[in-house]
C-alpha atoms as a PDB file:
ATOM      1  CA  MET A   1      87.130  86.093  83.989  1.00  0.00           C
ATOM      2  CA  ILE A   2      84.933  89.187  84.465  1.00  0.00           C
ATOM      3  CA  ASP A   3      86.277  92.695  84.060  1.00  0.00           C
ATOM      4  CA  PHE A   4      84.981  94.202  87.388  1.00  0.00           C
ATOM      5  CA  ASP A   5      86.785  97.393  86.604  1.00  0.00           C
ATOM      6  CA  ALA A   6      85.119  98.020  83.026  1.00  0.00           C
ATOM      7  CA  ILE A   7      81.710  97.348  84.853  1.00  0.00           C
ATOM      8  CA  LYS A   8      82.138  99.791  87.554  1.00  0.00           C
ATOM      9  CA  ALA A   9      83.351 102.429  85.014  1.00  0.00           C
ATOM     10  CA  ARG A  10      79.996 101.556  83.047  1.00  0.00           C
ATOM     11  CA  HIS A  11      78.107 102.225  85.995  1.00  0.00           C
ATOM     12  CA  PRO A  12      78.864 105.476  87.781  1.00  0.00           C
ATOM     13  CA  ILE A  13      77.626 105.432  91.435  1.00  0.00           C
ATOM     14  CA  GLU A  14      75.601 108.891  90.677  1.00  0.00           C
ATOM     15  CA  ASN A  15      73.975 107.101  88.030  1.00  0.00           C
ATOM     16  CA  VAL A  16      72.812 104.070  89.731  1.00  0.00           C
ATOM     17  CA  LEU A  17      71.386 106.081  92.741  1.00  0.00           C
ATOM     18  CA  ALA A  18      69.632 108.420  90.416  1.00  0.00           C
ATOM     19  CA  ASN A  19      68.652 106.316  87.466  1.00  0.00           C
ATOM     20  CA  ARG A  20      68.137 102.858  89.425  1.00  0.00           C
ATOM     21  CA  TYR A  21      66.863 104.120  92.547  1.00  0.00           C
ATOM     22  CA  GLY A  22      65.375 107.560  91.702  1.00  0.00           C
ATOM     23  CA  LEU A  23      67.075 109.367  94.128  1.00  0.00           C
ATOM     24  CA  HIS A  24      67.882 113.096  93.913  1.00  0.00           C
ATOM     25  CA  LEU A  25      71.718 113.643  94.895  1.00  0.00           C
ATOM     26  CA  ARG A  26      72.987 117.350  96.069  1.00  0.00           C
ATOM     27  CA  ARG A  27      76.047 118.617  94.702  1.00  0.00           C
ATOM     28  CA  ALA A  28      78.735 119.119  97.088  1.00  0.00           C
ATOM     29  CA  SER A  29      82.627 119.371  97.476  1.00  0.00           C
ATOM     30  CA  GLY A  30      84.100 116.911  95.202  1.00  0.00           C
ATOM     31  CA  GLY A  31      80.946 114.861  94.809  1.00  0.00           C
ATOM     32  CA  TYR A  32      77.412 114.412  95.875  1.00  0.00           C
ATOM     33  CA  LEU A  33      75.459 114.259  99.149  1.00  0.00           C
ATOM     34  CA  ILE A  34      72.096 112.473  99.860  1.00  0.00           C
ATOM     35  CA  LYS A  35      69.981 110.772 102.591  1.00  0.00           C
ATOM     36  CA  CYS A  36      71.395 107.258 103.198  1.00  0.00           C
ATOM     37  CA  PRO A  37      68.894 105.023 101.301  1.00  0.00           C
ATOM     38  CA  ILE A  38      70.682 102.032 103.173  1.00  0.00           C
ATOM     39  CA  HIS A  39      69.247 102.749 106.573  1.00  0.00           C
ATOM     40  CA  ASN A  40      66.406 105.066 105.478  1.00  0.00           C
ATOM     41  CA  GLU A  41      68.020 108.243 106.869  1.00  0.00           C
ATOM     42  CA  GLN A  42      65.203 110.607 107.891  1.00  0.00           C
ATOM     43  CA  LYS A  43      67.476 113.551 108.964  1.00  0.00           C
ATOM     44  CA  GLY A  44      70.575 114.969 107.325  1.00  0.00           C
ATOM     45  CA  MET A  45      72.550 113.705 104.573  1.00  0.00           C
ATOM     46  CA  SER A  46      75.218 111.315 105.863  1.00  0.00           C
ATOM     47  CA  PHE A  47      75.626 109.430 102.415  1.00  0.00           C
ATOM     48  CA  ALA A  48      78.572 110.817 100.656  1.00  0.00           C
ATOM     49  CA  ILE A  49      80.069 110.178  97.066  1.00  0.00           C
ATOM     50  CA  ASN A  50      83.474 110.891  96.078  1.00  0.00           C
ATOM     51  CA  GLU A  51      82.864 111.540  92.128  1.00  0.00           C
ATOM     52  CA  LYS A  52      86.503 111.214  91.194  1.00  0.00           C
ATOM     53  CA  LYS A  53      87.102 107.996  92.962  1.00  0.00           C
ATOM     54  CA  GLN A  54      83.721 106.558  92.411  1.00  0.00           C
ATOM     55  CA  LEU A  55      83.521 105.456  96.195  1.00  0.00           C
ATOM     56  CA  TRP A  56      80.711 106.291  98.431  1.00  0.00           C
ATOM     57  CA  ARG A  57      80.191 106.166 102.164  1.00  0.00           C
ATOM     58  CA  CYS A  58      77.609 106.412 104.933  1.00  0.00           C
ATOM     59  CA  HIS A  59      78.994 108.540 107.599  1.00  0.00           C
ATOM     60  CA  GLY A  60      75.919 107.832 109.863  1.00  0.00           C
ATOM     61  CA  LYS A  61      74.192 104.617 111.094  1.00  0.00           C
ATOM     62  CA  CYS A  62      75.787 102.341 108.616  1.00  0.00           C
ATOM     63  CA  GLN A  63      79.416 103.325 108.790  1.00  0.00           C
ATOM     64  CA  ALA A  64      79.862 101.057 105.453  1.00  0.00           C
ATOM     65  CA  GLY A  65      80.867 102.400 102.144  1.00  0.00           C
ATOM     66  CA  GLY A  66      82.757 101.145  98.999  1.00  0.00           C
ATOM     67  CA  SER A  67      82.429 101.144  95.295  1.00  0.00           C
ATOM     68  CA  VAL A  68      79.228 100.666  93.083  1.00  0.00           C
ATOM     69  CA  LEU A  69      79.254  96.889  93.774  1.00  0.00           C
ATOM     70  CA  ASP A  70      79.228  97.212  97.122  1.00  0.00           C
ATOM     71  CA  LEU A  71      76.377  99.787  96.888  1.00  0.00           C
ATOM     72  CA  ILE A  72      74.334  96.807  94.760  1.00  0.00           C
ATOM     73  CA  MET A  73      75.138  94.461  97.541  1.00  0.00           C
ATOM     74  CA  ALA A  74      73.755  96.599 100.355  1.00  0.00           C
ATOM     75  CA  MET A  75      70.563  98.028  98.024  1.00  0.00           C
ATOM     76  CA  ASP A  76      69.634  94.948  96.038  1.00  0.00           C
ATOM     77  CA  GLY A  77      70.899  91.795  98.320  1.00  0.00           C
ATOM     78  CA  ALA A  78      73.717  90.846  96.359  1.00  0.00           C
ATOM     79  CA  ALA A  79      75.647  88.329  98.115  1.00  0.00           C
ATOM     80  CA  ASN A  80      79.051  89.089  96.608  1.00  0.00           C
ATOM     81  CA  ALA A  81      80.796  91.311  94.068  1.00  0.00           C
ATOM     82  CA  LEU A  82      80.206  89.004  90.992  1.00  0.00           C
ATOM     83  CA  ALA A  83      76.487  88.831  91.674  1.00  0.00           C
ATOM     84  CA  ALA A  84      76.410  92.813  91.694  1.00  0.00           C
ATOM     85  CA  ALA A  85      77.951  92.871  88.733  1.00  0.00           C
ATOM     86  CA  GLU A  86      75.462  90.809  86.985  1.00  0.00           C
ATOM     87  CA  ILE A  87      72.604  92.651  88.481  1.00  0.00           C
ATOM     88  CA  LEU A  88      74.354  96.019  87.122  1.00  0.00           C
ATOM     89  CA  GLU A  89      74.815  94.407  83.884  1.00  0.00           C
ATOM     90  CA  GLY A  90      70.795  93.640  83.509  1.00  0.00           C
ATOM     91  CA  ARG A  91      70.077  90.417  85.645  1.00  0.00           C
ATOM     92  CA  GLN A  92      66.936  90.194  87.441  1.00  0.00           C
ATOM     93  CA  LEU A  93      67.190  89.933  91.148  1.00  0.00           C
ATOM     94  CA  THR A  94      66.372  86.474  92.376  1.00  0.00           C
ATOM     95  CA  GLU A  95      63.656  85.651  95.077  1.00  0.00           C
ATOM     96  CA  GLU A  96      66.144  85.142  97.789  1.00  0.00           C
ATOM     97  CA  GLU A  97      68.078  88.778  96.926  1.00  0.00           C
ATOM     98  CA  LYS A  98      64.769  90.412  96.724  1.00  0.00           C
ATOM     99  CA  THR A  99      63.899  88.874 100.513  1.00  0.00           C
ATOM    100  CA  ARG A 100      67.122  89.196 102.010  1.00  0.00           C
ATOM    101  CA  PRO A 101      66.675  91.795 105.177  1.00  0.00           C
ATOM    102  CA  ARG A 102      68.848  94.733 104.859  1.00  0.00           C
ATOM    103  CA  PRO A 103      71.065  94.327 108.046  1.00  0.00           C
ATOM    104  CA  GLN A 104      72.438  91.047 106.243  1.00  0.00           C
ATOM    105  CA  ARG A 105      73.390  93.007 103.569  1.00  0.00           C
ATOM    106  CA  LEU A 106      75.007  95.604 105.486  1.00  0.00           C
ATOM    107  CA  ALA A 107      77.037  92.673 107.195  1.00  0.00           C
ATOM    108  CA  LYS A 108      78.682  92.221 103.815  1.00  0.00           C
ATOM    109  CA  LEU A 109      80.230  95.739 103.307  1.00  0.00           C
ATOM    110  CA  GLN A 110      82.357  96.062 106.370  1.00  0.00           C
ATOM    111  CA  PHE A 111      85.361  94.562 104.946  1.00  0.00           C
ATOM    112  CA  THR A 112      85.634  97.675 102.412  1.00  0.00           C
ATOM    113  CA  ASP A 113      86.772 100.366 104.740  1.00  0.00           C
ATOM    114  CA  ASP A 114      88.757  97.984 106.751  1.00  0.00           C
ATOM    115  CA  ARG A 115      90.775  96.720 103.804  1.00  0.00           C
ATOM    116  CA  GLU A 116      91.358 100.185 102.555  1.00  0.00           C
ATOM    117  CA  GLU A 117      92.764 101.211 106.154  1.00  0.00           C
ATOM    118  CA  ALA A 118      95.227  98.128 105.984  1.00  0.00           C
ATOM    119  CA  ARG A 119      96.433  99.212 102.767  1.00  0.00           C
ATOM    120  CA  ALA A 120      97.148 102.644 104.043  1.00  0.00           C
ATOM    121  CA  ALA A 121      98.832 101.429 107.275  1.00  0.00           C
ATOM    122  CA  MET A 122     101.086  98.579 105.454  1.00  0.00           C
ATOM    123  CA  PRO A 123     103.164 100.217 102.687  1.00  0.00           C
ATOM    124  CA  LEU A 124     104.711  97.344 100.982  1.00  0.00           C
ATOM    125  CA  PRO A 125     108.318  97.143  99.082  1.00  0.00           C
ATOM    126  CA  LYS A 126     107.663  97.030  95.122  1.00  0.00           C
ATOM    127  CA  MET A 127     106.063  93.416  94.022  1.00  0.00           C
ATOM    128  CA  LEU A 128     107.125  92.213  90.667  1.00  0.00           C
ATOM    129  CA  ARG A 129     105.860  89.412  88.506  1.00  0.00           C
ATOM    130  CA  ALA A 130     108.368  86.886  87.544  1.00  0.00           C
ATOM    131  CA  GLU A 131     108.927  88.160  83.975  1.00  0.00           C
ATOM    132  CA  GLN A 132     110.274  91.511  85.320  1.00  0.00           C
ATOM    133  CA  LEU A 133     113.166  89.603  87.280  1.00  0.00           C
ATOM    134  CA  LYS A 134     116.607  88.783  85.760  1.00  0.00           C
ATOM    135  CA  GLU A 135     116.278  85.154  85.107  1.00  0.00           C
ATOM    136  CA  PRO A 136     113.588  83.543  82.796  1.00  0.00           C
ATOM    137  CA  PRO A 137     110.246  83.351  84.893  1.00  0.00           C
ATOM    138  CA  GLN A 138     110.332  79.470  85.031  1.00  0.00           C
ATOM    139  CA  HIS A 139     113.733  80.053  87.044  1.00  0.00           C
ATOM    140  CA  TYR A 140     111.872  81.165  90.007  1.00  0.00           C
ATOM    141  CA  PHE A 141     108.924  78.897  89.829  1.00  0.00           C
ATOM    142  CA  GLU A 142     111.408  76.090  89.899  1.00  0.00           C
ATOM    143  CA  LEU A 143     113.279  77.545  92.706  1.00  0.00           C
ATOM    144  CA  ILE A 144     110.301  77.820  94.855  1.00  0.00           C
ATOM    145  CA  GLY A 145     108.870  74.481  93.667  1.00  0.00           C
ATOM    146  CA  LYS A 146     112.185  72.699  94.654  1.00  0.00           C
ATOM    147  CA  ALA A 147     112.195  74.256  98.082  1.00  0.00           C
ATOM    148  CA  ARG A 148     108.632  72.965  98.431  1.00  0.00           C
ATOM    149  CA  LYS A 149     109.266  69.503  96.733  1.00  0.00           C
ATOM    150  CA  LEU A 150     106.230  70.802  94.467  1.00  0.00           C
ATOM    151  CA  SER A 151     105.608  71.075  90.767  1.00  0.00           C
ATOM    152  CA  TRP A 152     106.581  74.713  89.180  1.00  0.00           C
ATOM    153  CA  HIS A 153     103.372  74.305  87.208  1.00  0.00           C
ATOM    154  CA  GLY A 154     101.506  74.817  90.545  1.00  0.00           C
ATOM    155  CA  ILE A 155     103.733  77.881  91.745  1.00  0.00           C
ATOM    156  CA  LYS A 156     102.993  79.407  88.332  1.00  0.00           C
ATOM    157  CA  MET A 157      99.304  79.313  88.729  1.00  0.00           C
ATOM    158  CA  ALA A 158      99.554  80.796  91.778  1.00  0.00           C
ATOM    159  CA  HIS A 159     101.683  83.521  90.373  1.00  0.00           C
ATOM    160  CA  ASP A 160      99.224  84.044  87.517  1.00  0.00           C
ATOM    161  CA  ALA A 161      96.239  84.404  89.709  1.00  0.00           C
ATOM    162  CA  GLY A 162      97.796  87.116  91.323  1.00  0.00           C
ATOM    163  CA  CYS A 163      98.566  85.184  94.577  1.00  0.00           C
ATOM    164  CA  LEU A 164     102.387  85.210  94.558  1.00  0.00           C
ATOM    165  CA  ARG A 165     105.038  88.152  93.713  1.00  0.00           C
ATOM    166  CA  PHE A 166     108.707  88.842  94.335  1.00  0.00           C
ATOM    167  CA  CYS A 167     110.333  91.899  96.083  1.00  0.00           C
ATOM    168  CA  ARG A 168     112.995  92.521  98.125  1.00  0.00           C
ATOM    169  CA  ALA A 169     111.893  92.481 101.797  1.00  0.00           C
ATOM    170  CA  GLN A 170     113.242  94.145 104.958  1.00  0.00           C
ATOM    171  CA  TRP A 171     112.895  92.243 108.111  1.00  0.00           C
ATOM    172  CA  ARG A 172     113.508  95.336 110.668  1.00  0.00           C
ATOM    173  CA  THR A 173     113.677  98.854 109.774  1.00  0.00           C
ATOM    174  CA  ASP A 174     117.239  98.815 110.474  1.00  0.00           C
ATOM    175  CA  GLY A 175     117.749  95.167 109.154  1.00  0.00           C
ATOM    176  CA  GLU A 176     119.163  93.761 105.908  1.00  0.00           C
ATOM    177  CA  ALA A 177     116.799  93.420 102.786  1.00  0.00           C
ATOM    178  CA  PHE A 178     116.706  90.028 101.121  1.00  0.00           C
ATOM    179  CA  ASN A 179     115.062  88.782  97.792  1.00  0.00           C
ATOM    180  CA  CYS A 180     111.964  87.154  98.662  1.00  0.00           C
ATOM    181  CA  TYR A 181     108.964  85.578  97.205  1.00  0.00           C
ATOM    182  CA  ALA A 182     105.421  87.089  98.898  1.00  0.00           C
ATOM    183  CA  VAL A 183     101.981  85.263  99.011  1.00  0.00           C
ATOM    184  CA  LEU A 184      99.405  87.525  99.148  1.00  0.00           C
ATOM    185  CA  ASP A 185      96.047  89.091  97.356  1.00  0.00           C
ATOM    186  CA  VAL A 186      97.550  91.330  94.948  1.00  0.00           C
ATOM    187  CA  GLY A 187      94.226  93.267  94.417  1.00  0.00           C
ATOM    188  CA  ASN A 188      93.740  93.593  98.234  1.00  0.00           C
ATOM    189  CA  PRO A 189      97.377  93.141  99.861  1.00  0.00           C
ATOM    190  CA  ILE A 190      95.936  92.778 103.534  1.00  0.00           C
ATOM    191  CA  ASN A 191      97.823  89.586 104.442  1.00  0.00           C
ATOM    192  CA  VAL A 192     101.145  89.219 102.925  1.00  0.00           C
ATOM    193  CA  GLN A 193     103.543  86.852 104.124  1.00  0.00           C
ATOM    194  CA  PHE A 194     107.153  86.524 102.574  1.00  0.00           C
ATOM    195  CA  ARG A 195     109.738  83.668 102.565  1.00  0.00           C
ATOM    196  CA  ARG A 196     113.427  84.099 101.249  1.00  0.00           C
ATOM    197  CA  LEU A 197     114.739  82.982  97.881  1.00  0.00           C
ATOM    198  CA  ASP A 198     118.304  82.374  98.802  1.00  0.00           C
ATOM    199  CA  MET A 199     118.391  78.796  98.911  1.00  0.00           C
ATOM    200  CA  ASP A 200     121.389  75.857  98.750  1.00  0.00           C
ATOM    201  CA  GLN A 201     121.173  73.242  96.252  1.00  0.00           C
ATOM    202  CA  ASN A 202     118.506  71.346  97.790  1.00  0.00           C
ATOM    203  CA  GLY A 203     116.061  73.992  97.867  1.00  0.00           C
ATOM    204  CA  LYS A 204     116.612  75.113 101.692  1.00  0.00           C
ATOM    205  CA  ALA A 205     116.722  78.503 102.726  1.00  0.00           C
ATOM    206  CA  LEU A 206     120.361  79.382 103.680  1.00  0.00           C
ATOM    207  CA  CYS A 207     119.108  81.341 106.945  1.00  0.00           C
ATOM    208  CA  PHE A 208     115.957  82.816 108.516  1.00  0.00           C
ATOM    209  CA  TRP A 209     115.334  85.834 110.193  1.00  0.00           C
ATOM    210  CA  GLY A 210     116.366  84.592 113.407  1.00  0.00           C
ATOM    211  CA  ASP A 211     114.417  81.109 113.928  1.00  0.00           C
ATOM    212  CA  THR A 212     111.332  82.269 111.832  1.00  0.00           C
ATOM    213  CA  LYS A 213     110.965  80.817 108.314  1.00  0.00           C
ATOM    214  CA  VAL A 214     108.226  83.316 107.285  1.00  0.00           C
ATOM    215  CA  MET A 215     107.522  86.912 108.049  1.00  0.00           C
ATOM    216  CA  GLY A 216     104.424  88.663 107.568  1.00  0.00           C
ATOM    217  CA  TRP A 217     104.643  92.277 106.819  1.00  0.00           C
ATOM    218  CA  ARG A 218     104.227  94.833 109.226  1.00  0.00           C
ATOM    219  CA  GLY A 219     100.367  95.939 109.735  1.00  0.00           C
ATOM    220  CA  ASN A 220      99.420  92.449 108.529  1.00  0.00           C
ATOM    221  CA  GLN A 221      95.771  91.103 109.073  1.00  0.00           C
ATOM    222  CA  GLY A 222      96.615  87.530 109.870  1.00  0.00           C
ATOM    223  CA  ASN A 223      93.124  86.745 109.879  1.00  0.00           C
ATOM    224  CA  TRP A 224      92.423  87.815 106.243  1.00  0.00           C
ATOM    225  CA  PRO A 225      92.007  84.724 104.022  1.00  0.00           C
ATOM    226  CA  VAL A 226      94.342  84.919 101.371  1.00  0.00           C
ATOM    227  CA  GLY A 227      93.367  83.549  98.007  1.00  0.00           C
ATOM    228  CA  ALA A 228      89.636  84.914  98.665  1.00  0.00           C
ATOM    229  CA  ASP A 229      89.439  86.930  95.484  1.00  0.00           C
ATOM    230  CA  PHE A 230      90.543  84.328  93.477  1.00  0.00           C
ATOM    231  CA  ALA A 231      87.758  82.026  95.067  1.00  0.00           C
ATOM    232  CA  LEU A 232      85.626  84.899  94.543  1.00  0.00           C
ATOM    233  CA  ALA A 233      85.947  84.794  90.994  1.00  0.00           C
ATOM    234  CA  HIS A 234      85.850  81.109  90.520  1.00  0.00           C
ATOM    235  CA  ARG A 235      82.303  80.440  92.290  1.00  0.00           C
ATOM    236  CA  GLN A 236      82.071  76.880  91.204  1.00  0.00           C
ATOM    237  CA  SER A 237      85.470  75.476  92.325  1.00  0.00           C
ATOM    238  CA  THR A 238      85.752  73.960  95.650  1.00  0.00           C
ATOM    239  CA  ILE A 239      87.438  76.092  98.052  1.00  0.00           C
ATOM    240  CA  LEU A 240      90.684  74.362 100.002  1.00  0.00           C
ATOM    241  CA  LEU A 241      91.054  76.167 103.262  1.00  0.00           C
ATOM    242  CA  VAL A 242      94.743  75.383 104.425  1.00  0.00           C
ATOM    243  CA  GLU A 243      96.740  76.647 107.297  1.00  0.00           C
ATOM    244  CA  GLY A 244     100.187  77.875 106.166  1.00  0.00           C
ATOM    245  CA  THR A 245     102.125  79.398 103.191  1.00  0.00           C
ATOM    246  CA  GLY A 246     103.543  75.721 102.215  1.00  0.00           C
ATOM    247  CA  ASP A 247     100.283  74.314 102.600  1.00  0.00           C
ATOM    248  CA  PHE A 248      98.699  77.172 100.313  1.00  0.00           C
ATOM    249  CA  LEU A 249     101.138  76.394  97.359  1.00  0.00           C
ATOM    250  CA  ALA A 250     100.218  72.753  97.744  1.00  0.00           C
ATOM    251  CA  ALA A 251      96.857  73.570  97.133  1.00  0.00           C
ATOM    252  CA  TRP A 252      97.975  75.348  93.887  1.00  0.00           C
ATOM    253  CA  ASP A 253      99.818  72.301  92.992  1.00  0.00           C
ATOM    254  CA  ILE A 254      96.526  70.325  93.206  1.00  0.00           C
ATOM    255  CA  ARG A 255      94.658  73.030  91.115  1.00  0.00           C
ATOM    256  CA  GLY A 256      97.640  72.182  88.603  1.00  0.00           C
ATOM    257  CA  LEU A 257      96.935  68.885  88.582  1.00  0.00           C
ATOM    258  CA  GLY A 258      93.594  69.455  86.872  1.00  0.00           C
ATOM    259  CA  TYR A 259      91.294  69.386  90.044  1.00  0.00           C
ATOM    260  CA  ASP A 260      88.630  72.349  90.155  1.00  0.00           C
ATOM    261  CA  VAL A 261      89.874  73.824  93.481  1.00  0.00           C
ATOM    262  CA  ALA A 262      90.199  77.481  94.888  1.00  0.00           C
ATOM    263  CA  PRO A 263      93.173  77.374  97.626  1.00  0.00           C
ATOM    264  CA  VAL A 264      92.598  79.906 100.234  1.00  0.00           C
ATOM    265  CA  GLY A 265      95.034  80.241 103.128  1.00  0.00           C
ATOM    266  CA  LEU A 266      95.024  81.487 106.868  1.00  0.00           C
ATOM    267  CA  PHE A 267      98.291  81.669 108.240  1.00  0.00           C
ATOM    268  CA  GLY A 268      98.383  80.441 111.868  1.00  0.00           C
ATOM    269  CA  ALA A 269      96.121  77.898 113.713  1.00  0.00           C
ATOM    270  CA  SER A 270      95.340  80.653 116.236  1.00  0.00           C
ATOM    271  CA  ASN A 271      93.529  82.807 113.731  1.00  0.00           C
ATOM    272  CA  SER A 272      89.462  83.031 113.291  1.00  0.00           C
ATOM    273  CA  ILE A 273      88.369  83.991 109.868  1.00  0.00           C
ATOM    274  CA  ALA A 274      88.009  87.860 109.544  1.00  0.00           C
ATOM    275  CA  PRO A 275      84.245  88.202 109.792  1.00  0.00           C
ATOM    276  CA  GLN A 276      84.530  91.131 107.003  1.00  0.00           C
ATOM    277  CA  SER A 277      85.707  88.371 104.668  1.00  0.00           C
ATOM    278  CA  LEU A 278      83.135  85.561 105.646  1.00  0.00           C
ATOM    279  CA  PRO A 279      80.927  86.702 102.744  1.00  0.00           C
ATOM    280  CA  PHE A 280      83.347  85.423 100.321  1.00  0.00           C
ATOM    281  CA  PHE A 281      82.408  81.713 101.714  1.00  0.00           C
ATOM    282  CA  GLU A 282      78.683  82.288 101.564  1.00  0.00           C
ATOM    283  CA  ARG A 283      77.173  78.916 100.420  1.00  0.00           C
ATOM    284  CA  ARG A 284      80.315  77.664  99.015  1.00  0.00           C
ATOM    285  CA  GLU A 285      81.543  74.016  99.042  1.00  0.00           C
ATOM    286  CA  VAL A 286      84.757  74.285 101.444  1.00  0.00           C
ATOM    287  CA  ILE A 287      87.161  71.636 102.547  1.00  0.00           C
ATOM    288  CA  ILE A 288      89.320  72.562 105.544  1.00  0.00           C
ATOM    289  CA  ILE A 289      92.638  70.803 105.520  1.00  0.00           C
ATOM    290  CA  GLN A 290      93.651  69.784 109.052  1.00  0.00           C
ATOM    291  CA  GLN A 291      97.311  69.423 109.999  1.00  0.00           C
ATOM    292  CA  HIS A 292      98.227  66.606 112.476  1.00  0.00           C
ATOM    293  CA  ASP A 293      98.300  68.473 115.627  1.00  0.00           C
ATOM    294  CA  PRO A 294      96.266  69.692 118.450  1.00  0.00           C
ATOM    295  CA  ALA A 295      96.290  73.291 117.331  1.00  0.00           C
ATOM    296  CA  ALA A 296      95.022  72.660 113.843  1.00  0.00           C
ATOM    297  CA  GLN A 297      92.248  70.415 115.185  1.00  0.00           C
ATOM    298  CA  LEU A 298      90.884  73.603 117.187  1.00  0.00           C
ATOM    299  CA  ALA A 299      91.393  76.016 114.019  1.00  0.00           C
ATOM    300  CA  ALA A 300      89.175  73.477 112.128  1.00  0.00           C
ATOM    301  CA  GLU A 301      86.497  73.174 114.525  1.00  0.00           C
ATOM    302  CA  ARG A 302      86.548  77.099 115.100  1.00  0.00           C
ATOM    303  CA  TRP A 303      86.718  77.590 111.215  1.00  0.00           C
ATOM    304  CA  THR A 304      83.879  75.340 110.678  1.00  0.00           C
ATOM    305  CA  THR A 305      81.543  76.930 112.916  1.00  0.00           C
ATOM    306  CA  GLU A 306      82.297  80.670 111.277  1.00  0.00           C
ATOM    307  CA  LEU A 307      81.785  79.271 107.715  1.00  0.00           C
ATOM    308  CA  GLU A 308      78.456  77.373 108.504  1.00  0.00           C
ATOM    309  CA  ASN A 309      76.945  80.563 109.985  1.00  0.00           C
ATOM    310  CA  VAL A 310      77.213  81.994 106.453  1.00  0.00           C
ATOM    311  CA  ASN A 311      75.827  78.602 104.977  1.00  0.00           C
ATOM    312  CA  ALA A 312      79.017  77.458 103.652  1.00  0.00           C
ATOM    313  CA  ARG A 313      78.982  73.664 103.236  1.00  0.00           C
ATOM    314  CA  VAL A 314      82.275  72.519 104.962  1.00  0.00           C
ATOM    315  CA  ARG A 315      83.816  69.377 105.611  1.00  0.00           C
ATOM    316  CA  THR A 316      87.430  68.488 107.258  1.00  0.00           C
ATOM    317  CA  TRP A 317      90.264  66.434 105.562  1.00  0.00           C
ATOM    318  CA  LYS A 318      92.915  65.588 108.157  1.00  0.00           C
ATOM    319  CA  VAL A 319      96.437  64.913 106.845  1.00  0.00           C
ATOM    320  CA  PRO A 320      97.086  61.058 107.932  1.00  0.00           C
ATOM    321  CA  ASP A 321     100.497  61.337 108.959  1.00  0.00           C
ATOM    322  CA  GLU A 322     101.298  62.456 112.393  1.00  0.00           C
ATOM    323  CA  GLY A 323     103.188  65.790 111.856  1.00  0.00           C
ATOM    324  CA  ALA A 324     102.756  66.144 108.540  1.00  0.00           C
ATOM    325  CA  ASP A 325     100.535  69.005 106.446  1.00  0.00           C
ATOM    326  CA  LEU A 326      99.309  69.194 103.081  1.00  0.00           C
ATOM    327  CA  ASN A 327     102.827  70.243 101.598  1.00  0.00           C
ATOM    328  CA  ASP A 328     104.482  66.899 102.842  1.00  0.00           C
ATOM    329  CA  TYR A 329     101.133  64.957 101.593  1.00  0.00           C
ATOM    330  CA  ILE A 330     101.270  66.306  98.009  1.00  0.00           C
ATOM    331  CA  SER A 331     105.202  66.224  97.861  1.00  0.00           C
ATOM    332  CA  ALA A 332     105.149  62.727  98.587  1.00  0.00           C
ATOM    333  CA  GLY A 333     103.338  61.970  95.686  1.00  0.00           C
ATOM    334  CA  GLN A 334      99.983  61.206  97.235  1.00  0.00           C
ATOM    335  CA  ASP A 335      96.660  61.242  95.199  1.00  0.00           C
ATOM    336  CA  PRO A 336      94.522  64.411  95.871  1.00  0.00           C
ATOM    337  CA  GLU A 337      91.438  62.663  94.949  1.00  0.00           C
ATOM    338  CA  SER A 338      91.299  61.079  98.528  1.00  0.00           C
ATOM    339  CA  ILE A 339      90.902  64.795  99.684  1.00  0.00           C
ATOM    340  CA  LEU A 340      88.301  65.850  97.092  1.00  0.00           C
ATOM    341  CA  GLN A 341      86.032  62.850  97.158  1.00  0.00           C
ATOM    342  CA  PRO A 342      83.440  63.153  99.982  1.00  0.00           C
ATOM    343  CA  PRO A 343      83.545  60.340 102.813  1.00  0.00           C
ATOM    344  CA  PRO A 344      81.074  57.517 102.417  1.00  0.00           C
ATOM    345  CA  ALA A 345      77.596  58.224 104.027  1.00  0.00           C
ATOM    346  CA  THR A 346      76.997  56.376 107.103  1.00  0.00           C
ATOM    347  CA  THR A 347      74.264  54.123 107.625  1.00  0.00           C
ATOM    348  CA  PRO A 348      72.068  54.095 110.904  1.00  0.00           C
END
């Protein structure tokens, strides 16, 4: 896996601006100021660089910002962080990157500041890896697997990929705290969903928060796709876009069976995909897993339109049984091959 932090450390923003783009930087408190090279600023100096944090922001027309990777996406047309890292490390620009218009590049940057603001507004309980808990790690993977009727191997893969952690979460500020597992992107915890770990011998939670089986953390951005960071790091994998935490873990079960898929979850059929996250899906193979109900059909149609706008190759697989979801399908021992194989071509 590519080490983005190491690449950022090798390429300070001020060096990239000066050496790669030949720009003159003016020293300012905490960093530098320049005319924004993204929107070709003529008056003033709206582009600020925080030298210590290695972050930049245009306070003018762009209203964009981020790391050195976001800078390469804006300046050189890189489609995502992986492409930006490759360019920084010496790869030549492709013809597509050279010709990608600047406004389209800027659209890829808007998620950066939103994520920073979301993290600041959503202080989370301490997230722990399984090995930091009292019992051996496998105990907790098996506990969740039993509750979901899934293999513990897939649960472990989600954990190792940074999409599952453990914590003690409080439902209300004045309520009781419970041992939980959390589904999230560890690197960008914007959408975090919790489930209780206190279960009976059959793996069923002893009680829920009222009638709620899953709790989204205060300040959640429910339309942010969980697992997007993993999908970005696995560009060749087929994205399985699912609704709900149970289906998200079931998709990891499929990966655990040896299929090259990247599970991505949107938790709620009413959600659209966050526009800021759509660059993660650009030109990717995406299979939308549609649950067997009218709301899920509307969600699949909505997500298809949104993904096709970024040139994703999208198709929908509908769970066969009435009222069932992917978790039900996989836990019943069904073969995932039918999900991943494209439908036969129809003849005119």
